[in-house]
């Protein structure tokens, strides 16, 4: 196994968080009262219980580096995540960045920003 890091993200409610991410192809591989791990292929997200989180003031974020950014973006849209500039959940379309890469963004149901970056 190669070295890896996994983001640790807040969840106000594990059932709601799991339901949101399951629509995007993640499956639960671990859960107890304070921790949950979801996996999609080699991509892993870990969540800690944070029931008092206010999604509108959340500053949590992470980057997901994806081999198929366009496909993941389309999956987000196909499950009803709206492309908008306010609220949550929401999606932002892939755009070529000044640094030369392509990036989109997903704000999940807890207000966490996930930067979606196309692998080079």
PDB file of N, CA and C in Angstrom:
ATOM      1  N   UNK A   1       0.837  -1.180   0.000  1.00  0.00           N
ATOM      2  CA  UNK A   1       0.000   0.000   0.000  1.00  0.00           C
ATOM      3  C   UNK A   1       0.879   1.238   0.000  1.00  0.00           C
ATOM      4  N   UNK A   2       0.485   2.243  -0.764  1.00  0.00           N
ATOM      5  CA  UNK A   2       1.238   3.485  -0.780  1.00  0.00           C
ATOM      6  C   UNK A   2       0.765   4.392   0.345  1.00  0.00           C
ATOM      7  N   UNK A   3       1.616   5.344   0.709  1.00  0.00           N
ATOM      8  CA  UNK A   3       1.230   6.328   1.711  1.00  0.00           C
ATOM      9  C   UNK A   3       0.021   7.099   1.196  1.00  0.00           C
ATOM     10  N   UNK A   4      -0.850   7.510   2.107  1.00  0.00           N
ATOM     11  CA  UNK A   4      -2.001   8.307   1.703  1.00  0.00           C
ATOM     12  C   UNK A   4      -2.452   9.178   2.858  1.00  0.00           C
ATOM     13  N   UNK A   5      -3.246  10.173   2.535  1.00  0.00           N
ATOM     14  CA  UNK A   5      -3.880  11.025   3.535  1.00  0.00           C
ATOM     15  C   UNK A   5      -5.370  11.043   3.223  1.00  0.00           C
ATOM     16  N   UNK A   6      -6.180  11.167   4.252  1.00  0.00           N
ATOM     17  CA  UNK A   6      -7.614  11.266   4.031  1.00  0.00           C
ATOM     18  C   UNK A   6      -8.143  12.487   4.766  1.00  0.00           C
ATOM     19  N   UNK A   7      -9.044  13.230   4.118  1.00  0.00           N
ATOM     20  CA  UNK A   7      -9.622  14.387   4.796  1.00  0.00           C
ATOM     21  C   UNK A   7     -10.531  13.950   5.933  1.00  0.00           C
ATOM     22  N   UNK A   8     -10.531  14.728   7.006  1.00  0.00           N
ATOM     23  CA  UNK A   8     -11.421  14.529   8.142  1.00  0.00           C
ATOM     24  C   UNK A   8     -12.413  15.677   8.122  1.00  0.00           C
ATOM     25  N   UNK A   9     -13.667  15.362   7.839  1.00  0.00           N
ATOM     26  CA  UNK A   9     -14.689  16.368   7.592  1.00  0.00           C
ATOM     27  C   UNK A   9     -15.804  16.272   8.620  1.00  0.00           C
ATOM     28  N   UNK A  10     -16.516  17.383   8.875  1.00  0.00           N
ATOM     29  CA  UNK A  10     -17.586  17.367   9.862  1.00  0.00           C
ATOM     30  C   UNK A  10     -18.883  16.802   9.283  1.00  0.00           C
ATOM     31  N   UNK A  11     -19.665  16.212  10.163  1.00  0.00           N
ATOM     32  CA  UNK A  11     -21.004  15.731   9.812  1.00  0.00           C
ATOM     33  C   UNK A  11     -21.950  16.080  10.942  1.00  0.00           C
ATOM     34  N   UNK A  12     -23.028  16.777  10.598  1.00  0.00           N
ATOM     35  CA  UNK A  12     -24.040  17.077  11.624  1.00  0.00           C
ATOM     36  C   UNK A  12     -24.837  15.833  11.964  1.00  0.00           C
ATOM     37  N   UNK A  13     -24.976  14.917  10.989  1.00  0.00           N
ATOM     38  CA  UNK A  13     -25.763  13.703  11.176  1.00  0.00           C
ATOM     39  C   UNK A  13     -25.215  12.636  10.221  1.00  0.00           C
ATOM     40  N   UNK A  14     -24.665  11.559  10.762  1.00  0.00           N
ATOM     41  CA  UNK A  14     -24.039  10.535   9.921  1.00  0.00           C
ATOM     42  C   UNK A  14     -25.003   9.932   8.908  1.00  0.00           C
ATOM     43  N   UNK A  15     -26.258   9.703   9.291  1.00  0.00           N
ATOM     44  CA  UNK A  15     -27.212   9.121   8.340  1.00  0.00           C
ATOM     45  C   UNK A  15     -27.414  10.036   7.135  1.00  0.00           C
ATOM     46  N   UNK A  16     -27.582  11.333   7.384  1.00  0.00           N
ATOM     47  CA  UNK A  16     -27.774  12.292   6.285  1.00  0.00           C
ATOM     48  C   UNK A  16     -26.522  12.412   5.426  1.00  0.00           C
ATOM     49  N   UNK A  17     -25.367  12.462   6.071  1.00  0.00           N
ATOM     50  CA  UNK A  17     -24.108  12.560   5.325  1.00  0.00           C
ATOM     51  C   UNK A  17     -23.902  11.326   4.455  1.00  0.00           C
ATOM     52  N   UNK A  18     -24.127  10.142   5.009  1.00  0.00           N
ATOM     53  CA  UNK A  18     -23.970   8.904   4.240  1.00  0.00           C
ATOM     54  C   UNK A  18     -24.935   8.885   3.058  1.00  0.00           C
ATOM     55  N   UNK A  19     -26.177   9.292   3.259  1.00  0.00           N
ATOM     56  CA  UNK A  19     -27.165   9.302   2.179  1.00  0.00           C
ATOM     57  C   UNK A  19     -26.742  10.253   1.063  1.00  0.00           C
ATOM     58  N   UNK A  20     -26.211  11.418   1.421  1.00  0.00           N
ATOM     59  CA  UNK A  20     -25.747  12.383   0.415  1.00  0.00           C
ATOM     60  C   UNK A  20     -24.617  11.792  -0.428  1.00  0.00           C
ATOM     61  N   UNK A  21     -23.613  11.251   0.236  1.00  0.00           N
ATOM     62  CA  UNK A  21     -22.440  10.743  -0.484  1.00  0.00           C
ATOM     63  C   UNK A  21     -22.707   9.416  -1.191  1.00  0.00           C
ATOM     64  N   UNK A  22     -23.638   8.621  -0.692  1.00  0.00           N
ATOM     65  CA  UNK A  22     -23.973   7.365  -1.391  1.00  0.00           C
ATOM     66  C   UNK A  22     -24.527   7.645  -2.776  1.00  0.00           C
ATOM     67  N   UNK A  23     -25.265   8.739  -2.951  1.00  0.00           N
ATOM     68  CA  UNK A  23     -25.754   9.130  -4.276  1.00  0.00           C
ATOM     69  C   UNK A  23     -24.608   9.425  -5.236  1.00  0.00           C
ATOM     70  N   UNK A  24     -23.450   9.774  -4.689  1.00  0.00           N
ATOM     71  CA  UNK A  24     -22.277  10.103  -5.503  1.00  0.00           C
ATOM     72  C   UNK A  24     -21.334   8.915  -5.665  1.00  0.00           C
ATOM     73  N   UNK A  25     -21.764   7.734  -5.220  1.00  0.00           N
ATOM     74  CA  UNK A  25     -20.983   6.522  -5.427  1.00  0.00           C
ATOM     75  C   UNK A  25     -20.126   6.080  -4.260  1.00  0.00           C
ATOM     76  N   UNK A  26     -20.229   6.749  -3.117  1.00  0.00           N
ATOM     77  CA  UNK A  26     -19.476   6.346  -1.932  1.00  0.00           C
ATOM     78  C   UNK A  26     -20.253   5.281  -1.168  1.00  0.00           C
ATOM     79  N   UNK A  27     -19.514   4.410  -0.464  1.00  0.00           N
ATOM     80  CA  UNK A  27     -20.154   3.414   0.387  1.00  0.00           C
ATOM     81  C   UNK A  27     -19.501   3.480   1.764  1.00  0.00           C
ATOM     82  N   UNK A  28     -20.290   3.156   2.767  1.00  0.00           N
ATOM     83  CA  UNK A  28     -19.791   3.187   4.138  1.00  0.00           C
ATOM     84  C   UNK A  28     -18.932   1.963   4.405  1.00  0.00           C
ATOM     85  N   UNK A  29     -17.724   2.200   4.953  1.00  0.00           N
ATOM     86  CA  UNK A  29     -16.849   1.087   5.316  1.00  0.00           C
ATOM     87  C   UNK A  29     -16.620   1.012   6.827  1.00  0.00           C
ATOM     88  N   UNK A  30     -16.985   2.089   7.546  1.00  0.00           N
ATOM     89  CA  UNK A  30     -16.847   2.078   9.006  1.00  0.00           C
ATOM     90  C   UNK A  30     -17.774   3.135   9.587  1.00  0.00           C
ATOM     91  N   UNK A  31     -18.329   2.803  10.757  1.00  0.00           N
ATOM     92  CA  UNK A  31     -19.102   3.794  11.501  1.00  0.00           C
ATOM     93  C   UNK A  31     -19.208   3.371  12.954  1.00  0.00           C
ATOM     94  N   UNK A  32     -18.987   4.329  13.844  1.00  0.00           N
ATOM     95  CA  UNK A  32     -19.341   4.171  15.242  1.00  0.00           C
ATOM     96  C   UNK A  32     -20.002   5.473  15.669  1.00  0.00           C
ATOM     97  N   UNK A  33     -20.115   5.750  16.949  1.00  0.00           N
ATOM     98  CA  UNK A  33     -20.863   6.930  17.387  1.00  0.00           C
ATOM     99  C   UNK A  33     -20.166   8.255  17.074  1.00  0.00           C
ATOM    100  N   UNK A  34     -18.860   8.235  16.862  1.00  0.00           N
ATOM    101  CA  UNK A  34     -18.131   9.484  16.650  1.00  0.00           C
ATOM    102  C   UNK A  34     -17.372   9.594  15.345  1.00  0.00           C
ATOM    103  N   UNK A  35     -17.372   8.518  14.542  1.00  0.00           N
ATOM    104  CA  UNK A  35     -16.534   8.506  13.332  1.00  0.00           C
ATOM    105  C   UNK A  35     -17.201   7.683  12.247  1.00  0.00           C
ATOM    106  N   UNK A  36     -17.047   8.134  11.000  1.00  0.00           N
ATOM    107  CA  UNK A  36     -17.573   7.385   9.860  1.00  0.00           C
ATOM    108  C   UNK A  36     -16.596   7.511   8.700  1.00  0.00           C
ATOM    109  N   UNK A  37     -16.402   6.408   7.985  1.00  0.00           N
ATOM    110  CA  UNK A  37     -15.527   6.399   6.811  1.00  0.00           C
ATOM    111  C   UNK A  37     -16.343   5.963   5.604  1.00  0.00           C
ATOM    112  N   UNK A  38     -16.243   6.752   4.530  1.00  0.00           N
ATOM    113  CA  UNK A  38     -16.900   6.447   3.261  1.00  0.00           C
ATOM    114  C   UNK A  38     -15.825   6.283   2.198  1.00  0.00           C
ATOM    115  N   UNK A  39     -16.093   5.408   1.241  1.00  0.00           N
ATOM    116  CA  UNK A  39     -15.093   5.102   0.219  1.00  0.00           C
ATOM    117  C   UNK A  39     -15.755   5.019  -1.150  1.00  0.00           C
ATOM    118  N   UNK A  40     -15.055   5.513  -2.155  1.00  0.00           N
ATOM    119  CA  UNK A  40     -15.461   5.430  -3.567  1.00  0.00           C
ATOM    120  C   UNK A  40     -14.210   5.073  -4.350  1.00  0.00           C
ATOM    121  N   UNK A  41     -14.086   3.821  -4.760  1.00  0.00           N
ATOM    122  CA  UNK A  41     -12.837   3.378  -5.375  1.00  0.00           C
ATOM    123  C   UNK A  41     -11.708   3.539  -4.376  1.00  0.00           C
ATOM    124  N   UNK A  42     -10.636   4.227  -4.768  1.00  0.00           N
ATOM    125  CA  UNK A  42      -9.511   4.488  -3.870  1.00  0.00           C
ATOM    126  C   UNK A  42      -9.690   5.768  -3.060  1.00  0.00           C
ATOM    127  N   UNK A  43     -10.768   6.500  -3.317  1.00  0.00           N
ATOM    128  CA  UNK A  43     -11.028   7.769  -2.642  1.00  0.00           C
ATOM    129  C   UNK A  43     -11.727   7.517  -1.309  1.00  0.00           C
ATOM    130  N   UNK A  44     -11.175   8.064  -0.225  1.00  0.00           N
ATOM    131  CA  UNK A  44     -11.731   7.842   1.094  1.00  0.00           C
ATOM    132  C   UNK A  44     -11.975   9.184   1.782  1.00  0.00           C
ATOM    133  N   UNK A  45     -13.137   9.311   2.418  1.00  0.00           N
ATOM    134  CA  UNK A  45     -13.485  10.476   3.220  1.00  0.00           C
ATOM    135  C   UNK A  45     -13.817  10.002   4.621  1.00  0.00           C
ATOM    136  N   UNK A  46     -13.282  10.688   5.628  1.00  0.00           N
ATOM    137  CA  UNK A  46     -13.562  10.343   7.009  1.00  0.00           C
ATOM    138  C   UNK A  46     -14.321  11.504   7.642  1.00  0.00           C
ATOM    139  N   UNK A  47     -15.350  11.172   8.415  1.00  0.00           N
ATOM    140  CA  UNK A  47     -16.215  12.179   9.013  1.00  0.00           C
ATOM    141  C   UNK A  47     -16.244  12.033  10.527  1.00  0.00           C
ATOM    142  N   UNK A  48     -16.229  13.170  11.215  1.00  0.00           N
ATOM    143  CA  UNK A  48     -16.378  13.183  12.664  1.00  0.00           C
ATOM    144  C   UNK A  48     -17.715  13.843  13.001  1.00  0.00           C
ATOM    145  N   UNK A  49     -18.298  13.421  14.114  1.00  0.00           N
ATOM    146  CA  UNK A  49     -19.577  13.970  14.543  1.00  0.00           C
ATOM    147  C   UNK A  49     -19.405  15.430  14.961  1.00  0.00           C
ATOM    148  N   UNK A  50     -20.242  16.293  14.397  1.00  0.00           N
ATOM    149  CA  UNK A  50     -20.202  17.725  14.701  1.00  0.00           C
ATOM    150  C   UNK A  50     -21.636  18.263  14.610  1.00  0.00           C
ATOM    151  N   UNK A  51     -22.526  17.797  15.518  1.00  0.00           N
ATOM    152  CA  UNK A  51     -23.943  18.130  15.412  1.00  0.00           C
ATOM    153  C   UNK A  51     -24.257  19.618  15.528  1.00  0.00           C
ATOM    154  N   UNK A  52     -23.387  20.402  16.141  1.00  0.00           N
ATOM    155  CA  UNK A  52     -23.652  21.827  16.313  1.00  0.00           C
ATOM    156  C   UNK A  52     -23.131  22.688  15.157  1.00  0.00           C
ATOM    157  N   UNK A  53     -22.574  22.092  14.126  1.00  0.00           N
ATOM    158  CA  UNK A  53     -22.032  22.820  12.980  1.00  0.00           C
ATOM    159  C   UNK A  53     -23.113  23.645  12.291  1.00  0.00           C
ATOM    160  N   UNK A  54     -22.804  24.891  11.979  1.00  0.00           N
ATOM    161  CA  UNK A  54     -23.672  25.739  11.172  1.00  0.00           C
ATOM    162  C   UNK A  54     -23.113  25.719   9.743  1.00  0.00           C
ATOM    163  N   UNK A  55     -23.800  25.055   8.806  1.00  0.00           N
ATOM    164  CA  UNK A  55     -23.287  24.948   7.431  1.00  0.00           C
ATOM    165  C   UNK A  55     -23.026  26.297   6.761  1.00  0.00           C
ATOM    166  N   UNK A  56     -23.754  27.318   7.158  1.00  0.00           N
ATOM    167  CA  UNK A  56     -23.577  28.632   6.535  1.00  0.00           C
ATOM    168  C   UNK A  56     -22.291  29.325   6.969  1.00  0.00           C
ATOM    169  N   UNK A  57     -21.705  28.893   8.068  1.00  0.00           N
ATOM    170  CA  UNK A  57     -20.451  29.499   8.530  1.00  0.00           C
ATOM    171  C   UNK A  57     -19.291  28.499   8.512  1.00  0.00           C
ATOM    172  N   UNK A  58     -19.515  27.321   7.960  1.00  0.00           N
ATOM    173  CA  UNK A  58     -18.475  26.294   7.931  1.00  0.00           C
ATOM    174  C   UNK A  58     -17.266  26.762   7.118  1.00  0.00           C
ATOM    175  N   UNK A  59     -16.084  26.493   7.631  1.00  0.00           N
ATOM    176  CA  UNK A  59     -14.844  26.818   6.926  1.00  0.00           C
ATOM    177  C   UNK A  59     -14.087  25.549   6.540  1.00  0.00           C
ATOM    178  N   UNK A  60     -14.714  24.378   6.716  1.00  0.00           N
ATOM    179  CA  UNK A  60     -14.059  23.109   6.405  1.00  0.00           C
ATOM    180  C   UNK A  60     -13.955  22.935   4.890  1.00  0.00           C
ATOM    181  N   UNK A  61     -12.838  22.352   4.450  1.00  0.00           N
ATOM    182  CA  UNK A  61     -12.655  22.106   3.016  1.00  0.00           C
ATOM    183  C   UNK A  61     -11.608  21.030   2.796  1.00  0.00           C
ATOM    184  N   UNK A  62     -11.590  20.518   1.569  1.00  0.00           N
ATOM    185  CA  UNK A  62     -10.553  19.580   1.159  1.00  0.00           C
ATOM    186  C   UNK A  62     -10.500  19.560  -0.370  1.00  0.00           C
ATOM    187  N   UNK A  63      -9.500  18.910  -0.910  1.00  0.00           N
ATOM    188  CA  UNK A  63      -9.369  18.722  -2.356  1.00  0.00           C
ATOM    189  C   UNK A  63      -9.544  17.247  -2.677  1.00  0.00           C
ATOM    190  N   UNK A  64     -10.328  16.957  -3.712  1.00  0.00           N
ATOM    191  CA  UNK A  64     -10.425  15.610  -4.251  1.00  0.00           C
ATOM    192  C   UNK A  64      -9.801  15.658  -5.638  1.00  0.00           C
ATOM    193  N   UNK A  65      -8.756  14.888  -5.839  1.00  0.00           N
ATOM    194  CA  UNK A  65      -8.085  14.836  -7.136  1.00  0.00           C
ATOM    195  C   UNK A  65      -8.631  13.621  -7.869  1.00  0.00           C
ATOM    196  N   UNK A  66      -9.266  13.884  -9.004  1.00  0.00           N
ATOM    197  CA  UNK A  66     -10.048  12.871  -9.701  1.00  0.00           C
ATOM    198  C   UNK A  66      -9.516  12.586 -11.097  1.00  0.00           C
ATOM    199  N   UNK A  67      -9.541  11.317 -11.492  1.00  0.00           N
ATOM    200  CA  UNK A  67      -9.176  10.947 -12.861  1.00  0.00           C
ATOM    201  C   UNK A  67     -10.258  11.359 -13.851  1.00  0.00           C
ATOM    202  N   UNK A  68     -11.517  11.387 -13.408  1.00  0.00           N
ATOM    203  CA  UNK A  68     -12.635  11.736 -14.284  1.00  0.00           C
ATOM    204  C   UNK A  68     -13.484  12.832 -13.639  1.00  0.00           C
ATOM    205  N   UNK A  69     -12.941  14.035 -13.620  1.00  0.00           N
ATOM    206  CA  UNK A  69     -13.647  15.171 -13.038  1.00  0.00           C
ATOM    207  C   UNK A  69     -14.983  15.401 -13.741  1.00  0.00           C
ATOM    208  N   UNK A  70     -14.993  15.362 -15.056  1.00  0.00           N
ATOM    209  CA  UNK A  70     -16.233  15.605 -15.814  1.00  0.00           C
ATOM    210  C   UNK A  70     -17.305  14.583 -15.446  1.00  0.00           C
ATOM    211  N   UNK A  71     -16.934  13.330 -15.310  1.00  0.00           N
ATOM    212  CA  UNK A  71     -17.883  12.290 -14.948  1.00  0.00           C
ATOM    213  C   UNK A  71     -18.435  12.479 -13.550  1.00  0.00           C
ATOM    214  N   UNK A  72     -17.580  12.856 -12.597  1.00  0.00           N
ATOM    215  CA  UNK A  72     -18.036  13.081 -11.225  1.00  0.00           C
ATOM    216  C   UNK A  72     -18.953  14.294 -11.167  1.00  0.00           C
ATOM    217  N   UNK A  73     -18.609  15.343 -11.891  1.00  0.00           N
ATOM    218  CA  UNK A  73     -19.441  16.544 -11.960  1.00  0.00           C
ATOM    219  C   UNK A  73     -20.824  16.189 -12.519  1.00  0.00           C
ATOM    220  N   UNK A  74     -20.871  15.408 -13.594  1.00  0.00           N
ATOM    221  CA  UNK A  74     -22.155  14.997 -14.177  1.00  0.00           C
ATOM    222  C   UNK A  74     -22.957  14.141 -13.201  1.00  0.00           C
ATOM    223  N   UNK A  75     -22.279  13.302 -12.439  1.00  0.00           N
ATOM    224  CA  UNK A  75     -22.970  12.488 -11.429  1.00  0.00           C
ATOM    225  C   UNK A  75     -23.617  13.392 -10.382  1.00  0.00           C
ATOM    226  N   UNK A  76     -22.894  14.417  -9.949  1.00  0.00           N
ATOM    227  CA  UNK A  76     -23.439  15.362  -8.976  1.00  0.00           C
ATOM    228  C   UNK A  76     -24.705  16.014  -9.521  1.00  0.00           C
ATOM    229  N   UNK A  77     -24.654  16.453 -10.763  1.00  0.00           N
ATOM    230  CA  UNK A  77     -25.826  17.089 -11.370  1.00  0.00           C
ATOM    231  C   UNK A  77     -26.966  16.092 -11.537  1.00  0.00           C
ATOM    232  N   UNK A  78     -26.648  14.839 -11.884  1.00  0.00           N
ATOM    233  CA  UNK A  78     -27.689  13.840 -12.139  1.00  0.00           C
ATOM    234  C   UNK A  78     -28.476  13.461 -10.880  1.00  0.00           C
ATOM    235  N   UNK A  79     -27.882  13.669  -9.701  1.00  0.00           N
ATOM    236  CA  UNK A  79     -28.592  13.357  -8.456  1.00  0.00           C
ATOM    237  C   UNK A  79     -29.294  14.586  -7.884  1.00  0.00           C
ATOM    238  N   UNK A  80     -29.307  15.674  -8.650  1.00  0.00           N
ATOM    239  CA  UNK A  80     -30.080  16.842  -8.263  1.00  0.00           C
ATOM    240  C   UNK A  80     -29.328  17.943  -7.555  1.00  0.00           C
ATOM    241  N   UNK A  81     -28.013  17.867  -7.490  1.00  0.00           N
ATOM    242  CA  UNK A  81     -27.248  18.959  -6.888  1.00  0.00           C
ATOM    243  C   UNK A  81     -27.233  20.113  -7.887  1.00  0.00           C
ATOM    244  N   UNK A  82     -27.702  21.259  -7.438  1.00  0.00           N
ATOM    245  CA  UNK A  82     -27.871  22.410  -8.308  1.00  0.00           C
ATOM    246  C   UNK A  82     -26.581  23.200  -8.486  1.00  0.00           C
ATOM    247  N   UNK A  83     -26.431  23.754  -9.692  1.00  0.00           N
ATOM    248  CA  UNK A  83     -25.336  24.661  -9.979  1.00  0.00           C
ATOM    249  C   UNK A  83     -25.824  26.066  -9.614  1.00  0.00           C
ATOM    250  N   UNK A  84     -25.353  26.567  -8.499  1.00  0.00           N
ATOM    251  CA  UNK A  84     -25.788  27.870  -7.993  1.00  0.00           C
ATOM    252  C   UNK A  84     -24.656  28.483  -7.184  1.00  0.00           C
ATOM    253  N   UNK A  85     -24.787  29.762  -6.841  1.00  0.00           N
ATOM    254  CA  UNK A  85     -23.711  30.421  -6.104  1.00  0.00           C
ATOM    255  C   UNK A  85     -24.000  30.549  -4.610  1.00  0.00           C
ATOM    256  N   UNK A  86     -25.177  30.119  -4.165  1.00  0.00           N
ATOM    257  CA  UNK A  86     -25.532  30.220  -2.750  1.00  0.00           C
ATOM    258  C   UNK A  86     -26.180  28.932  -2.268  1.00  0.00           C
ATOM    259  N   UNK A  87     -26.131  28.747  -0.956  1.00  0.00           N
ATOM    260  CA  UNK A  87     -26.788  27.601  -0.351  1.00  0.00           C
ATOM    261  C   UNK A  87     -25.945  26.335  -0.409  1.00  0.00           C
ATOM    262  N   UNK A  88     -26.540  25.259   0.047  1.00  0.00           N
ATOM    263  CA  UNK A  88     -25.873  23.966   0.091  1.00  0.00           C
ATOM    264  C   UNK A  88     -26.926  22.888   0.083  1.00  0.00           C
ATOM    265  N   UNK A  89     -26.692  21.751  -0.489  1.00  0.00           N
ATOM    266  CA  UNK A  89     -25.505  21.466  -1.306  1.00  0.00           C
ATOM    267  C   UNK A  89     -25.580  22.230  -2.636  1.00  0.00           C
ATOM    268  N   UNK A  90     -24.434  22.378  -3.275  1.00  0.00           N
ATOM    269  CA  UNK A  90     -24.359  23.012  -4.585  1.00  0.00           C
ATOM    270  C   UNK A  90     -23.101  22.553  -5.301  1.00  0.00           C
ATOM    271  N   UNK A  91     -23.093  22.767  -6.608  1.00  0.00           N
ATOM    272  CA  UNK A  91     -21.945  22.384  -7.439  1.00  0.00           C
ATOM    273  C   UNK A  91     -21.543  23.592  -8.295  1.00  0.00           C
ATOM    274  N   UNK A  92     -20.261  23.693  -8.573  1.00  0.00           N
ATOM    275  CA  UNK A  92     -19.736  24.725  -9.473  1.00  0.00           C
ATOM    276  C   UNK A  92     -19.034  24.005 -10.626  1.00  0.00           C
ATOM    277  N   UNK A  93     -19.296  24.449 -11.836  1.00  0.00           N
ATOM    278  CA  UNK A  93     -18.803  23.789 -13.046  1.00  0.00           C
ATOM    279  C   UNK A  93     -17.274  23.792 -13.128  1.00  0.00           C
ATOM    280  N   UNK A  94     -16.716  22.768 -13.784  1.00  0.00           N
ATOM    281  CA  UNK A  94     -15.269  22.743 -14.009  1.00  0.00           C
ATOM    282  C   UNK A  94     -14.821  23.948 -14.831  1.00  0.00           C
ATOM    283  N   UNK A  95     -13.695  24.521 -14.438  1.00  0.00           N
ATOM    284  CA  UNK A  95     -13.104  25.646 -15.160  1.00  0.00           C
ATOM    285  C   UNK A  95     -11.600  25.477 -15.201  1.00  0.00           C
ATOM    286  N   UNK A  96     -11.018  25.903 -16.316  1.00  0.00           N
ATOM    287  CA  UNK A  96      -9.564  25.940 -16.439  1.00  0.00           C
ATOM    288  C   UNK A  96      -9.046  27.046 -15.528  1.00  0.00           C
ATOM    289  N   UNK A  97      -8.074  26.726 -14.693  1.00  0.00           N
ATOM    290  CA  UNK A  97      -7.527  27.676 -13.726  1.00  0.00           C
ATOM    291  C   UNK A  97      -6.254  28.325 -14.272  1.00  0.00           C
ATOM    292  N   UNK A  98      -5.885  29.472 -13.707  1.00  0.00           N
ATOM    293  CA  UNK A  98      -4.663  30.180 -14.119  1.00  0.00           C
ATOM    294  C   UNK A  98      -3.434  29.305 -14.008  1.00  0.00           C
ATOM    295  N   UNK A  99      -3.402  28.387 -13.048  1.00  0.00           N
ATOM    296  CA  UNK A  99      -2.242  27.529 -12.834  1.00  0.00           C
ATOM    297  C   UNK A  99      -2.195  26.366 -13.828  1.00  0.00           C
ATOM    298  N   UNK A 100      -3.204  26.294 -14.722  1.00  0.00           N
ATOM    299  CA  UNK A 100      -3.164  25.311 -15.808  1.00  0.00           C
ATOM    300  C   UNK A 100      -4.016  24.080 -15.613  1.00  0.00           C
ATOM    301  N   UNK A 101      -4.556  23.863 -14.434  1.00  0.00           N
ATOM    302  CA  UNK A 101      -5.401  22.702 -14.180  1.00  0.00           C
ATOM    303  C   UNK A 101      -6.877  23.041 -14.281  1.00  0.00           C
ATOM    304  N   UNK A 102      -7.689  21.996 -14.252  1.00  0.00           N
ATOM    305  CA  UNK A 102      -9.141  22.173 -14.279  1.00  0.00           C
ATOM    306  C   UNK A 102      -9.696  21.831 -12.907  1.00  0.00           C
ATOM    307  N   UNK A 103     -10.573  22.705 -12.409  1.00  0.00           N
ATOM    308  CA  UNK A 103     -11.131  22.521 -11.079  1.00  0.00           C
ATOM    309  C   UNK A 103     -12.618  22.864 -11.081  1.00  0.00           C
ATOM    310  N   UNK A 104     -13.381  22.089 -10.330  1.00  0.00           N
ATOM    311  CA  UNK A 104     -14.787  22.361 -10.043  1.00  0.00           C
ATOM    312  C   UNK A 104     -14.902  22.430  -8.528  1.00  0.00           C
ATOM    313  N   UNK A 105     -16.111  22.628  -8.022  1.00  0.00           N
ATOM    314  CA  UNK A 105     -16.298  22.659  -6.575  1.00  0.00           C
ATOM    315  C   UNK A 105     -17.654  22.066  -6.221  1.00  0.00           C
ATOM    316  N   UNK A 106     -17.677  21.399  -5.085  1.00  0.00           N
ATOM    317  CA  UNK A 106     -18.893  20.837  -4.516  1.00  0.00           C
ATOM    318  C   UNK A 106     -18.978  21.321  -3.073  1.00  0.00           C
ATOM    319  N   UNK A 107     -20.122  21.866  -2.699  1.00  0.00           N
ATOM    320  CA  UNK A 107     -20.376  22.186  -1.297  1.00  0.00           C
ATOM    321  C   UNK A 107     -21.398  21.163  -0.825  1.00  0.00           C
ATOM    322  N   UNK A 108     -21.029  20.375   0.181  1.00  0.00           N
ATOM    323  CA  UNK A 108     -21.896  19.269   0.600  1.00  0.00           C
ATOM    324  C   UNK A 108     -23.017  19.736   1.516  1.00  0.00           C
ATOM    325  N   UNK A 109     -23.793  18.806   1.995  1.00  0.00           N
ATOM    326  CA  UNK A 109     -24.972  19.115   2.807  1.00  0.00           C
ATOM    327  C   UNK A 109     -24.636  19.662   4.192  1.00  0.00           C
ATOM    328  N   UNK A 110     -23.354  19.652   4.574  1.00  0.00           N
ATOM    329  CA  UNK A 110     -22.918  20.242   5.837  1.00  0.00           C
ATOM    330  C   UNK A 110     -22.139  21.534   5.619  1.00  0.00           C
ATOM    331  N   UNK A 111     -22.115  22.037   4.375  1.00  0.00           N
ATOM    332  CA  UNK A 111     -21.431  23.282   4.073  1.00  0.00           C
ATOM    333  C   UNK A 111     -19.943  23.138   3.830  1.00  0.00           C
ATOM    334  N   UNK A 112     -19.431  21.916   3.741  1.00  0.00           N
ATOM    335  CA  UNK A 112     -18.006  21.680   3.485  1.00  0.00           C
ATOM    336  C   UNK A 112     -17.708  21.873   2.006  1.00  0.00           C
ATOM    337  N   UNK A 113     -16.646  22.605   1.699  1.00  0.00           N
ATOM    338  CA  UNK A 113     -16.198  22.847   0.333  1.00  0.00           C
ATOM    339  C   UNK A 113     -15.251  21.725  -0.087  1.00  0.00           C
ATOM    340  N   UNK A 114     -15.589  21.033  -1.171  1.00  0.00           N
ATOM    341  CA  UNK A 114     -14.700  20.024  -1.748  1.00  0.00           C
ATOM    342  C   UNK A 114     -14.251  20.553  -3.113  1.00  0.00           C
ATOM    343  N   UNK A 115     -12.974  20.880  -3.230  1.00  0.00           N
ATOM    344  CA  UNK A 115     -12.419  21.302  -4.511  1.00  0.00           C
ATOM    345  C   UNK A 115     -12.190  20.036  -5.328  1.00  0.00           C
ATOM    346  N   UNK A 116     -12.737  19.998  -6.524  1.00  0.00           N
ATOM    347  CA  UNK A 116     -12.648  18.829  -7.393  1.00  0.00           C
ATOM    348  C   UNK A 116     -11.623  19.152  -8.475  1.00  0.00           C
ATOM    349  N   UNK A 117     -10.497  18.465  -8.450  1.00  0.00           N
ATOM    350  CA  UNK A 117      -9.379  18.793  -9.337  1.00  0.00           C
ATOM    351  C   UNK A 117      -9.098  17.619 -10.265  1.00  0.00           C
ATOM    352  N   UNK A 118      -9.029  17.916 -11.558  1.00  0.00           N
ATOM    353  CA  UNK A 118      -8.727  16.887 -12.554  1.00  0.00           C
ATOM    354  C   UNK A 118      -7.262  16.472 -12.423  1.00  0.00           C
ATOM    355  N   UNK A 119      -7.029  15.168 -12.268  1.00  0.00           N
ATOM    356  CA  UNK A 119      -5.662  14.664 -12.265  1.00  0.00           C
ATOM    357  C   UNK A 119      -5.021  14.933 -13.616  1.00  0.00           C
ATOM    358  N   UNK A 120      -3.706  15.221 -13.588  1.00  0.00           N
ATOM    359  CA  UNK A 120      -2.967  15.563 -14.798  1.00  0.00           C
ATOM    360  C   UNK A 120      -2.560  14.444 -15.609  1.00  0.00           C
TER     361      UNK A 120
END
